[in-house]
PDB file of N, CA and C in Angstrom:
ATOM      1  N   UNK A   1       0.360  -1.394   0.151  1.00  0.00           N
ATOM      2  CA  UNK A   1      -0.093  -0.204   0.166  1.00  0.00           C
ATOM      3  C   UNK A   1       0.820   1.246  -0.212  1.00  0.00           C
ATOM      4  N   UNK A   2       0.369   2.180  -0.731  1.00  0.00           N
ATOM      5  CA  UNK A   2       1.160   3.481  -1.034  1.00  0.00           C
ATOM      6  C   UNK A   2       0.717   4.294   0.478  1.00  0.00           C
ATOM      7  N   UNK A   3       1.727   5.129   1.118  1.00  0.00           N
ATOM      8  CA  UNK A   3       1.875   5.255   1.935  1.00  0.00           C
ATOM      9  C   UNK A   3       2.016   7.327   1.464  1.00  0.00           C
ATOM     10  N   UNK A   4       1.767   8.050   2.328  1.00  0.00           N
ATOM     11  CA  UNK A   4       1.788   9.357   1.861  1.00  0.00           C
ATOM     12  C   UNK A   4       3.543   9.598   1.776  1.00  0.00           C
ATOM     13  N   UNK A   5       4.502   9.522   2.305  1.00  0.00           N
ATOM     14  CA  UNK A   5       5.762   9.366   1.915  1.00  0.00           C
ATOM     15  C   UNK A   5       6.000   8.715   0.446  1.00  0.00           C
ATOM     16  N   UNK A   6       5.441   7.590   0.407  1.00  0.00           N
ATOM     17  CA  UNK A   6       5.530   7.201  -1.119  1.00  0.00           C
ATOM     18  C   UNK A   6       5.307   7.880  -2.143  1.00  0.00           C
ATOM     19  N   UNK A   7       4.109   8.146  -1.823  1.00  0.00           N
ATOM     20  CA  UNK A   7       3.363   9.667  -2.926  1.00  0.00           C
ATOM     21  C   UNK A   7       4.578  10.502  -2.920  1.00  0.00           C
ATOM     22  N   UNK A   8       4.619  11.337  -2.259  1.00  0.00           N
ATOM     23  CA  UNK A   8       5.515  12.265  -1.771  1.00  0.00           C
ATOM     24  C   UNK A   8       6.984  12.237  -2.896  1.00  0.00           C
ATOM     25  N   UNK A   9       7.371  11.015  -2.538  1.00  0.00           N
ATOM     26  CA  UNK A   9       8.516  10.464  -3.040  1.00  0.00           C
ATOM     27  C   UNK A   9       8.566  10.311  -4.556  1.00  0.00           C
ATOM     28  N   UNK A  10       7.202   9.978  -5.270  1.00  0.00           N
ATOM     29  CA  UNK A  10       7.053   9.699  -6.530  1.00  0.00           C
ATOM     30  C   UNK A  10       6.580  11.100  -7.081  1.00  0.00           C
ATOM     31  N   UNK A  11       6.163  11.483  -6.299  1.00  0.00           N
ATOM     32  CA  UNK A  11       5.817  12.888  -6.841  1.00  0.00           C
ATOM     33  C   UNK A  11       7.134  13.866  -7.568  1.00  0.00           C
ATOM     34  N   UNK A  12       7.916  13.617  -6.136  1.00  0.00           N
ATOM     35  CA  UNK A  12       9.482  14.836  -6.584  1.00  0.00           C
ATOM     36  C   UNK A  12      10.103  14.016  -7.371  1.00  0.00           C
ATOM     37  N   UNK A  13      10.304  12.678  -7.697  1.00  0.00           N
ATOM     38  CA  UNK A  13      11.165  12.068  -8.636  1.00  0.00           C
ATOM     39  C   UNK A  13      10.382  12.676  -9.893  1.00  0.00           C
ATOM     40  N   UNK A  14       9.194  12.905 -10.309  1.00  0.00           N
ATOM     41  CA  UNK A  14       8.334  12.844 -11.737  1.00  0.00           C
ATOM     42  C   UNK A  14       9.003  14.149 -12.025  1.00  0.00           C
ATOM     43  N   UNK A  15       8.762  14.938 -11.337  1.00  0.00           N
ATOM     44  CA  UNK A  15       8.522  16.715 -11.071  1.00  0.00           C
ATOM     45  C   UNK A  15       9.986  16.940 -11.712  1.00  0.00           C
ATOM     46  N   UNK A  16      10.973  16.297 -10.712  1.00  0.00           N
ATOM     47  CA  UNK A  16      12.373  17.010 -10.696  1.00  0.00           C
ATOM     48  C   UNK A  16      13.038  16.198 -12.410  1.00  0.00           C
ATOM     49  N   UNK A  17      11.852  15.134 -12.623  1.00  0.00           N
ATOM     50  CA  UNK A  17      12.857  14.951 -14.546  1.00  0.00           C
ATOM     51  C   UNK A  17      11.765  15.581 -15.426  1.00  0.00           C
ATOM     52  N   UNK A  18      10.410  15.954 -15.088  1.00  0.00           N
ATOM     53  CA  UNK A  18       9.968  16.810 -15.971  1.00  0.00           C
ATOM     54  C   UNK A  18      11.020  17.926 -16.145  1.00  0.00           C
ATOM     55  N   UNK A  19      11.005  18.892 -15.257  1.00  0.00           N
ATOM     56  CA  UNK A  19      11.551  19.953 -14.795  1.00  0.00           C
ATOM     57  C   UNK A  19      13.076  19.912 -15.638  1.00  0.00           C
ATOM     58  N   UNK A  20      14.179  19.014 -15.427  1.00  0.00           N
ATOM     59  CA  UNK A  20      15.521  18.676 -16.347  1.00  0.00           C
ATOM     60  C   UNK A  20      15.021  18.798 -17.647  1.00  0.00           C
ATOM     61  N   UNK A  21      14.437  17.904 -18.068  1.00  0.00           N
ATOM     62  CA  UNK A  21      13.775  18.091 -19.324  1.00  0.00           C
ATOM     63  C   UNK A  21      13.084  19.324 -19.857  1.00  0.00           C
ATOM     64  N   UNK A  22      12.322  19.607 -19.268  1.00  0.00           N
ATOM     65  CA  UNK A  22      11.896  20.880 -19.738  1.00  0.00           C
ATOM     66  C   UNK A  22      13.074  22.457 -20.451  1.00  0.00           C
ATOM     67  N   UNK A  23      13.807  22.061 -19.281  1.00  0.00           N
ATOM     68  CA  UNK A  23      15.134  22.938 -19.486  1.00  0.00           C
ATOM     69  C   UNK A  23      15.741  22.536 -20.468  1.00  0.00           C
ATOM     70  N   UNK A  24      16.143  21.448 -20.771  1.00  0.00           N
ATOM     71  CA  UNK A  24      16.651  21.015 -22.090  1.00  0.00           C
ATOM     72  C   UNK A  24      15.912  21.144 -23.580  1.00  0.00           C
ATOM     73  N   UNK A  25      14.768  21.324 -23.208  1.00  0.00           N
ATOM     74  CA  UNK A  25      13.950  21.451 -24.135  1.00  0.00           C
ATOM     75  C   UNK A  25      13.724  22.664 -24.487  1.00  0.00           C
ATOM     76  N   UNK A  26      13.620  23.549 -23.731  1.00  0.00           N
ATOM     77  CA  UNK A  26      13.577  25.248 -24.000  1.00  0.00           C
ATOM     78  C   UNK A  26      15.084  25.659 -24.167  1.00  0.00           C
ATOM     79  N   UNK A  27      16.369  24.729 -24.133  1.00  0.00           N
ATOM     80  CA  UNK A  27      17.167  25.310 -24.602  1.00  0.00           C
ATOM     81  C   UNK A  27      17.305  24.797 -26.017  1.00  0.00           C
ATOM     82  N   UNK A  28      16.727  24.120 -26.830  1.00  0.00           N
ATOM     83  CA  UNK A  28      16.918  23.311 -28.137  1.00  0.00           C
ATOM     84  C   UNK A  28      15.711  24.220 -29.021  1.00  0.00           C
ATOM     85  N   UNK A  29      15.235  24.268 -28.043  1.00  0.00           N
ATOM     86  CA  UNK A  29      14.124  25.552 -28.688  1.00  0.00           C
ATOM     87  C   UNK A  29      14.593  26.838 -29.136  1.00  0.00           C
ATOM     88  N   UNK A  30      15.372  27.362 -27.958  1.00  0.00           N
ATOM     89  CA  UNK A  30      16.296  28.581 -28.237  1.00  0.00           C
ATOM     90  C   UNK A  30      17.109  28.455 -29.363  1.00  0.00           C
ATOM     91  N   UNK A  31      17.885  27.497 -29.333  1.00  0.00           N
ATOM     92  CA  UNK A  31      18.710  27.308 -30.363  1.00  0.00           C
ATOM     93  C   UNK A  31      18.206  27.371 -31.804  1.00  0.00           C
ATOM     94  N   UNK A  32      16.620  26.773 -31.732  1.00  0.00           N
ATOM     95  CA  UNK A  32      16.321  26.479 -33.252  1.00  0.00           C
ATOM     96  C   UNK A  32      15.123  27.476 -33.481  1.00  0.00           C
ATOM     97  N   UNK A  33      15.370  28.668 -32.680  1.00  0.00           N
ATOM     98  CA  UNK A  33      14.154  29.595 -33.147  1.00  0.00           C
ATOM     99  C   UNK A  33      12.640  29.148 -32.998  1.00  0.00           C
ATOM    100  N   UNK A  34      12.716  28.508 -32.061  1.00  0.00           N
ATOM    101  CA  UNK A  34      11.052  28.207 -31.664  1.00  0.00           C
ATOM    102  C   UNK A  34      10.404  28.697 -30.479  1.00  0.00           C
ATOM    103  N   UNK A  35       9.248  28.643 -30.532  1.00  0.00           N
ATOM    104  CA  UNK A  35       8.512  29.058 -29.577  1.00  0.00           C
ATOM    105  C   UNK A  35       8.883  28.189 -27.848  1.00  0.00           C
ATOM    106  N   UNK A  36       9.018  29.893 -27.216  1.00  0.00           N
ATOM    107  CA  UNK A  36       9.831  29.031 -25.790  1.00  0.00           C
ATOM    108  C   UNK A  36       9.009  28.842 -24.799  1.00  0.00           C
ATOM    109  N   UNK A  37       9.178  28.241 -24.004  1.00  0.00           N
ATOM    110  CA  UNK A  37       8.594  28.180 -22.495  1.00  0.00           C
ATOM    111  C   UNK A  37       8.746  28.822 -21.782  1.00  0.00           C
ATOM    112  N   UNK A  38       7.658  29.365 -21.335  1.00  0.00           N
ATOM    113  CA  UNK A  38       7.850  30.476 -20.496  1.00  0.00           C
ATOM    114  C   UNK A  38       8.663  30.459 -19.580  1.00  0.00           C
ATOM    115  N   UNK A  39       9.393  31.671 -18.874  1.00  0.00           N
ATOM    116  CA  UNK A  39      10.435  31.429 -18.116  1.00  0.00           C
ATOM    117  C   UNK A  39       9.677  31.139 -16.448  1.00  0.00           C
ATOM    118  N   UNK A  40       8.525  31.907 -16.302  1.00  0.00           N
ATOM    119  CA  UNK A  40       7.448  31.655 -15.351  1.00  0.00           C
ATOM    120  C   UNK A  40       7.153  29.984 -15.230  1.00  0.00           C
ATOM    121  N   UNK A  41       6.655  29.309 -16.512  1.00  0.00           N
ATOM    122  CA  UNK A  41       6.914  27.853 -15.924  1.00  0.00           C
ATOM    123  C   UNK A  41       7.876  27.267 -15.636  1.00  0.00           C
ATOM    124  N   UNK A  42       9.071  27.615 -16.242  1.00  0.00           N
ATOM    125  CA  UNK A  42      10.362  26.713 -16.093  1.00  0.00           C
ATOM    126  C   UNK A  42      10.587  26.890 -14.404  1.00  0.00           C
ATOM    127  N   UNK A  43      10.414  28.391 -13.643  1.00  0.00           N
ATOM    128  CA  UNK A  43      10.893  28.729 -12.471  1.00  0.00           C
ATOM    129  C   UNK A  43       9.678  27.672 -11.560  1.00  0.00           C
ATOM    130  N   UNK A  44       8.361  27.998 -12.001  1.00  0.00           N
ATOM    131  CA  UNK A  44       7.703  27.422 -11.557  1.00  0.00           C
ATOM    132  C   UNK A  44       7.418  25.640 -11.381  1.00  0.00           C
ATOM    133  N   UNK A  45       8.046  25.087 -12.289  1.00  0.00           N
ATOM    134  CA  UNK A  45       8.469  23.430 -11.837  1.00  0.00           C
ATOM    135  C   UNK A  45       9.450  23.638 -10.702  1.00  0.00           C
ATOM    136  N   UNK A  46      10.267  24.537 -10.667  1.00  0.00           N
ATOM    137  CA  UNK A  46      11.527  24.432  -9.527  1.00  0.00           C
ATOM    138  C   UNK A  46      10.293  24.741  -8.319  1.00  0.00           C
ATOM    139  N   UNK A  47       9.439  25.657  -7.995  1.00  0.00           N
ATOM    140  CA  UNK A  47       8.813  26.232  -7.364  1.00  0.00           C
ATOM    141  C   UNK A  47       7.638  24.932  -6.595  1.00  0.00           C
ATOM    142  N   UNK A  48       7.454  24.071  -7.595  1.00  0.00           N
ATOM    143  CA  UNK A  48       6.444  23.142  -7.027  1.00  0.00           C
ATOM    144  C   UNK A  48       7.371  21.666  -6.552  1.00  0.00           C
ATOM    145  N   UNK A  49       8.695  21.692  -6.381  1.00  0.00           N
ATOM    146  CA  UNK A  49       9.060  20.183  -6.166  1.00  0.00           C
ATOM    147  C   UNK A  49      10.180  20.001  -6.860  1.00  0.00           C
ATOM    148  N   UNK A  50      10.277  20.780  -8.384  1.00  0.00           N
ATOM    149  CA  UNK A  50      11.278  20.150  -9.313  1.00  0.00           C
ATOM    150  C   UNK A  50      12.663  21.104  -9.189  1.00  0.00           C
ATOM    151  N   UNK A  51      13.315  21.829  -8.092  1.00  0.00           N
ATOM    152  CA  UNK A  51      14.482  22.569  -8.049  1.00  0.00           C
ATOM    153  C   UNK A  51      15.548  21.816  -8.178  1.00  0.00           C
ATOM    154  N   UNK A  52      15.883  20.843  -8.188  1.00  0.00           N
ATOM    155  CA  UNK A  52      16.688  19.705  -8.222  1.00  0.00           C
ATOM    156  C   UNK A  52      17.034  19.419  -9.704  1.00  0.00           C
ATOM    157  N   UNK A  53      15.829  19.013 -10.305  1.00  0.00           N
ATOM    158  CA  UNK A  53      15.840  18.794 -11.749  1.00  0.00           C
ATOM    159  C   UNK A  53      16.036  20.428 -12.536  1.00  0.00           C
ATOM    160  N   UNK A  54      15.590  21.469 -11.757  1.00  0.00           N
ATOM    161  CA  UNK A  54      16.002  22.929 -12.776  1.00  0.00           C
ATOM    162  C   UNK A  54      17.379  22.885 -12.714  1.00  0.00           C
ATOM    163  N   UNK A  55      17.984  22.577 -11.346  1.00  0.00           N
ATOM    164  CA  UNK A  55      19.004  23.239 -11.301  1.00  0.00           C
ATOM    165  C   UNK A  55      20.378  22.238 -12.026  1.00  0.00           C
ATOM    166  N   UNK A  56      19.920  20.943 -12.068  1.00  0.00           N
ATOM    167  CA  UNK A  56      20.902  19.817 -12.906  1.00  0.00           C
ATOM    168  C   UNK A  56      20.271  20.452 -14.834  1.00  0.00           C
ATOM    169  N   UNK A  57      19.255  20.686 -14.832  1.00  0.00           N
ATOM    170  CA  UNK A  57      19.024  20.895 -15.972  1.00  0.00           C
ATOM    171  C   UNK A  57      19.784  22.063 -16.662  1.00  0.00           C
ATOM    172  N   UNK A  58      20.168  23.322 -15.682  1.00  0.00           N
ATOM    173  CA  UNK A  58      20.803  24.680 -15.916  1.00  0.00           C
ATOM    174  C   UNK A  58      22.132  24.220 -15.925  1.00  0.00           C
ATOM    175  N   UNK A  59      22.795  23.281 -15.224  1.00  0.00           N
ATOM    176  CA  UNK A  59      23.948  22.589 -15.442  1.00  0.00           C
ATOM    177  C   UNK A  59      24.247  21.808 -16.814  1.00  0.00           C
ATOM    178  N   UNK A  60      23.407  20.786 -16.739  1.00  0.00           N
ATOM    179  CA  UNK A  60      23.610  19.943 -17.922  1.00  0.00           C
ATOM    180  C   UNK A  60      23.571  20.213 -19.265  1.00  0.00           C
ATOM    181  N   UNK A  61      22.374  21.524 -19.555  1.00  0.00           N
ATOM    182  CA  UNK A  61      21.852  21.786 -21.024  1.00  0.00           C
ATOM    183  C   UNK A  61      22.632  23.133 -21.063  1.00  0.00           C
ATOM    184  N   UNK A  62      23.221  23.940 -19.846  1.00  0.00           N
ATOM    185  CA  UNK A  62      23.898  25.526 -20.049  1.00  0.00           C
ATOM    186  C   UNK A  62      22.789  26.203 -20.632  1.00  0.00           C
ATOM    187  N   UNK A  63      21.929  26.257 -19.727  1.00  0.00           N
ATOM    188  CA  UNK A  63      20.946  27.037 -19.686  1.00  0.00           C
ATOM    189  C   UNK A  63      20.191  27.839 -18.820  1.00  0.00           C
ATOM    190  N   UNK A  64      19.917  29.310 -18.960  1.00  0.00           N
ATOM    191  CA  UNK A  64      19.490  30.103 -17.840  1.00  0.00           C
ATOM    192  C   UNK A  64      20.277  30.164 -17.080  1.00  0.00           C
ATOM    193  N   UNK A  65      21.955  29.826 -16.903  1.00  0.00           N
ATOM    194  CA  UNK A  65      22.656  29.849 -15.760  1.00  0.00           C
ATOM    195  C   UNK A  65      23.121  31.730 -15.851  1.00  0.00           C
ATOM    196  N   UNK A  66      23.071  32.456 -16.839  1.00  0.00           N
ATOM    197  CA  UNK A  66      23.557  33.787 -16.310  1.00  0.00           C
ATOM    198  C   UNK A  66      22.171  34.711 -16.230  1.00  0.00           C
ATOM    199  N   UNK A  67      20.818  34.156 -16.132  1.00  0.00           N
ATOM    200  CA  UNK A  67      19.985  34.763 -15.687  1.00  0.00           C
ATOM    201  C   UNK A  67      20.180  34.945 -13.950  1.00  0.00           C
ATOM    202  N   UNK A  68      20.004  36.245 -13.472  1.00  0.00           N
ATOM    203  CA  UNK A  68      19.855  36.281 -12.054  1.00  0.00           C
ATOM    204  C   UNK A  68      18.887  35.385 -11.244  1.00  0.00           C
ATOM    205  N   UNK A  69      17.887  35.678 -11.960  1.00  0.00           N
ATOM    206  CA  UNK A  69      16.711  34.982 -11.459  1.00  0.00           C
ATOM    207  C   UNK A  69      16.667  33.308 -11.296  1.00  0.00           C
ATOM    208  N   UNK A  70      17.037  32.895 -12.247  1.00  0.00           N
ATOM    209  CA  UNK A  70      17.150  31.858 -12.195  1.00  0.00           C
ATOM    210  C   UNK A  70      19.005  30.965 -11.273  1.00  0.00           C
ATOM    211  N   UNK A  71      19.818  32.006 -11.806  1.00  0.00           N
ATOM    212  CA  UNK A  71      20.886  31.773 -11.184  1.00  0.00           C
ATOM    213  C   UNK A  71      20.900  31.840  -9.728  1.00  0.00           C
ATOM    214  N   UNK A  72      20.123  32.700  -9.063  1.00  0.00           N
ATOM    215  CA  UNK A  72      20.029  32.903  -7.393  1.00  0.00           C
ATOM    216  C   UNK A  72      18.524  32.128  -7.187  1.00  0.00           C
ATOM    217  N   UNK A  73      17.683  32.150  -8.254  1.00  0.00           N
ATOM    218  CA  UNK A  73      16.591  31.858  -7.954  1.00  0.00           C
ATOM    219  C   UNK A  73      16.437  30.434  -7.762  1.00  0.00           C
ATOM    220  N   UNK A  74      16.446  29.510  -8.483  1.00  0.00           N
ATOM    221  CA  UNK A  74      16.636  27.853  -8.386  1.00  0.00           C
ATOM    222  C   UNK A  74      16.848  27.508  -7.109  1.00  0.00           C
ATOM    223  N   UNK A  75      18.481  27.747  -6.476  1.00  0.00           N
ATOM    224  CA  UNK A  75      19.387  27.553  -5.362  1.00  0.00           C
ATOM    225  C   UNK A  75      18.355  28.126  -3.889  1.00  0.00           C
ATOM    226  N   UNK A  76      17.699  29.656  -3.967  1.00  0.00           N
ATOM    227  CA  UNK A  76      16.653  29.916  -2.860  1.00  0.00           C
ATOM    228  C   UNK A  76      15.740  29.003  -3.315  1.00  0.00           C
ATOM    229  N   UNK A  77      15.005  28.914  -4.016  1.00  0.00           N
ATOM    230  CA  UNK A  77      13.615  27.489  -4.158  1.00  0.00           C
ATOM    231  C   UNK A  77      14.027  26.137  -3.553  1.00  0.00           C
ATOM    232  N   UNK A  78      15.273  25.674  -3.705  1.00  0.00           N
ATOM    233  CA  UNK A  78      15.845  24.627  -3.224  1.00  0.00           C
ATOM    234  C   UNK A  78      15.827  24.555  -1.572  1.00  0.00           C
ATOM    235  N   UNK A  79      17.083  25.419  -1.156  1.00  0.00           N
ATOM    236  CA  UNK A  79      16.927  25.961   0.360  1.00  0.00           C
ATOM    237  C   UNK A  79      15.797  26.258   1.262  1.00  0.00           C
ATOM    238  N   UNK A  80      14.747  26.869   0.278  1.00  0.00           N
ATOM    239  CA  UNK A  80      13.239  26.692   0.865  1.00  0.00           C
ATOM    240  C   UNK A  80      12.859  25.533   1.034  1.00  0.00           C
ATOM    241  N   UNK A  81      12.819  24.825   0.049  1.00  0.00           N
ATOM    242  CA  UNK A  81      12.258  23.407   0.390  1.00  0.00           C
ATOM    243  C   UNK A  81      12.849  22.317   1.053  1.00  0.00           C
ATOM    244  N   UNK A  82      14.156  22.489   1.448  1.00  0.00           N
ATOM    245  CA  UNK A  82      15.237  21.386   2.002  1.00  0.00           C
ATOM    246  C   UNK A  82      14.501  22.148   3.283  1.00  0.00           C
ATOM    247  N   UNK A  83      14.440  23.112   3.913  1.00  0.00           N
ATOM    248  CA  UNK A  83      14.081  23.891   5.125  1.00  0.00           C
ATOM    249  C   UNK A  83      12.709  23.301   5.190  1.00  0.00           C
ATOM    250  N   UNK A  84      11.498  23.121   4.527  1.00  0.00           N
ATOM    251  CA  UNK A  84      10.199  22.562   4.567  1.00  0.00           C
ATOM    252  C   UNK A  84      10.378  21.593   4.830  1.00  0.00           C
ATOM    253  N   UNK A  85      11.430  20.248   4.096  1.00  0.00           N
ATOM    254  CA  UNK A  85      11.205  19.114   4.574  1.00  0.00           C
ATOM    255  C   UNK A  85      12.056  19.089   5.698  1.00  0.00           C
ATOM    256  N   UNK A  86      12.850  19.531   6.288  1.00  0.00           N
ATOM    257  CA  UNK A  86      13.157  19.427   7.547  1.00  0.00           C
ATOM    258  C   UNK A  86      12.172  19.786   8.550  1.00  0.00           C
ATOM    259  N   UNK A  87      11.476  20.542   8.244  1.00  0.00           N
ATOM    260  CA  UNK A  87      10.215  20.814   9.218  1.00  0.00           C
ATOM    261  C   UNK A  87       9.235  19.759   9.437  1.00  0.00           C
ATOM    262  N   UNK A  88       8.687  19.067   7.853  1.00  0.00           N
ATOM    263  CA  UNK A  88       7.952  18.381   7.644  1.00  0.00           C
ATOM    264  C   UNK A  88       8.964  17.114   8.385  1.00  0.00           C
ATOM    265  N   UNK A  89       9.651  16.507   8.496  1.00  0.00           N
ATOM    266  CA  UNK A  89      10.683  15.265   9.220  1.00  0.00           C
ATOM    267  C   UNK A  89      10.031  15.618  10.636  1.00  0.00           C
ATOM    268  N   UNK A  90      10.736  16.987  10.988  1.00  0.00           N
ATOM    269  CA  UNK A  90      10.773  16.573  12.321  1.00  0.00           C
ATOM    270  C   UNK A  90       9.677  16.701  13.210  1.00  0.00           C
ATOM    271  N   UNK A  91       8.837  17.220  12.207  1.00  0.00           N
ATOM    272  CA  UNK A  91       7.277  17.433  13.186  1.00  0.00           C
ATOM    273  C   UNK A  91       6.657  15.831  12.924  1.00  0.00           C
ATOM    274  N   UNK A  92       6.996  15.106  11.943  1.00  0.00           N
ATOM    275  CA  UNK A  92       6.650  14.218  11.491  1.00  0.00           C
ATOM    276  C   UNK A  92       7.158  12.651  12.531  1.00  0.00           C
ATOM    277  N   UNK A  93       8.499  13.291  13.102  1.00  0.00           N
ATOM    278  CA  UNK A  93       9.380  12.199  13.634  1.00  0.00           C
ATOM    279  C   UNK A  93       8.797  12.270  15.117  1.00  0.00           C
ATOM    280  N   UNK A  94       8.353  13.238  15.652  1.00  0.00           N
ATOM    281  CA  UNK A  94       7.715  13.349  16.962  1.00  0.00           C
ATOM    282  C   UNK A  94       6.541  12.392  17.219  1.00  0.00           C
ATOM    283  N   UNK A  95       6.333  12.288  16.331  1.00  0.00           N
ATOM    284  CA  UNK A  95       4.602  11.336  16.118  1.00  0.00           C
ATOM    285  C   UNK A  95       4.660   9.957  16.383  1.00  0.00           C
TER     286      UNK A  95
END
């Protein structure tokens, strides 16, 4: 039976894979003068749990690495998510 923790882990894996490939697809589109994925969507993927995938996508695809809102925003989102995870785990550890 799937527990809440299993569902969260599966969700995080999926959202990070999606974020990683979204950065790669946007890089390809930029190179081929195609319709781009909006920056709000790329940052939104990081904000809803895909910060690791977004950061890896930035590094692997060399995409958005010089844009300040990505260069500093994605790591800031990651730090906030780690803080939330620590809080969640500590609150549930006591139970």
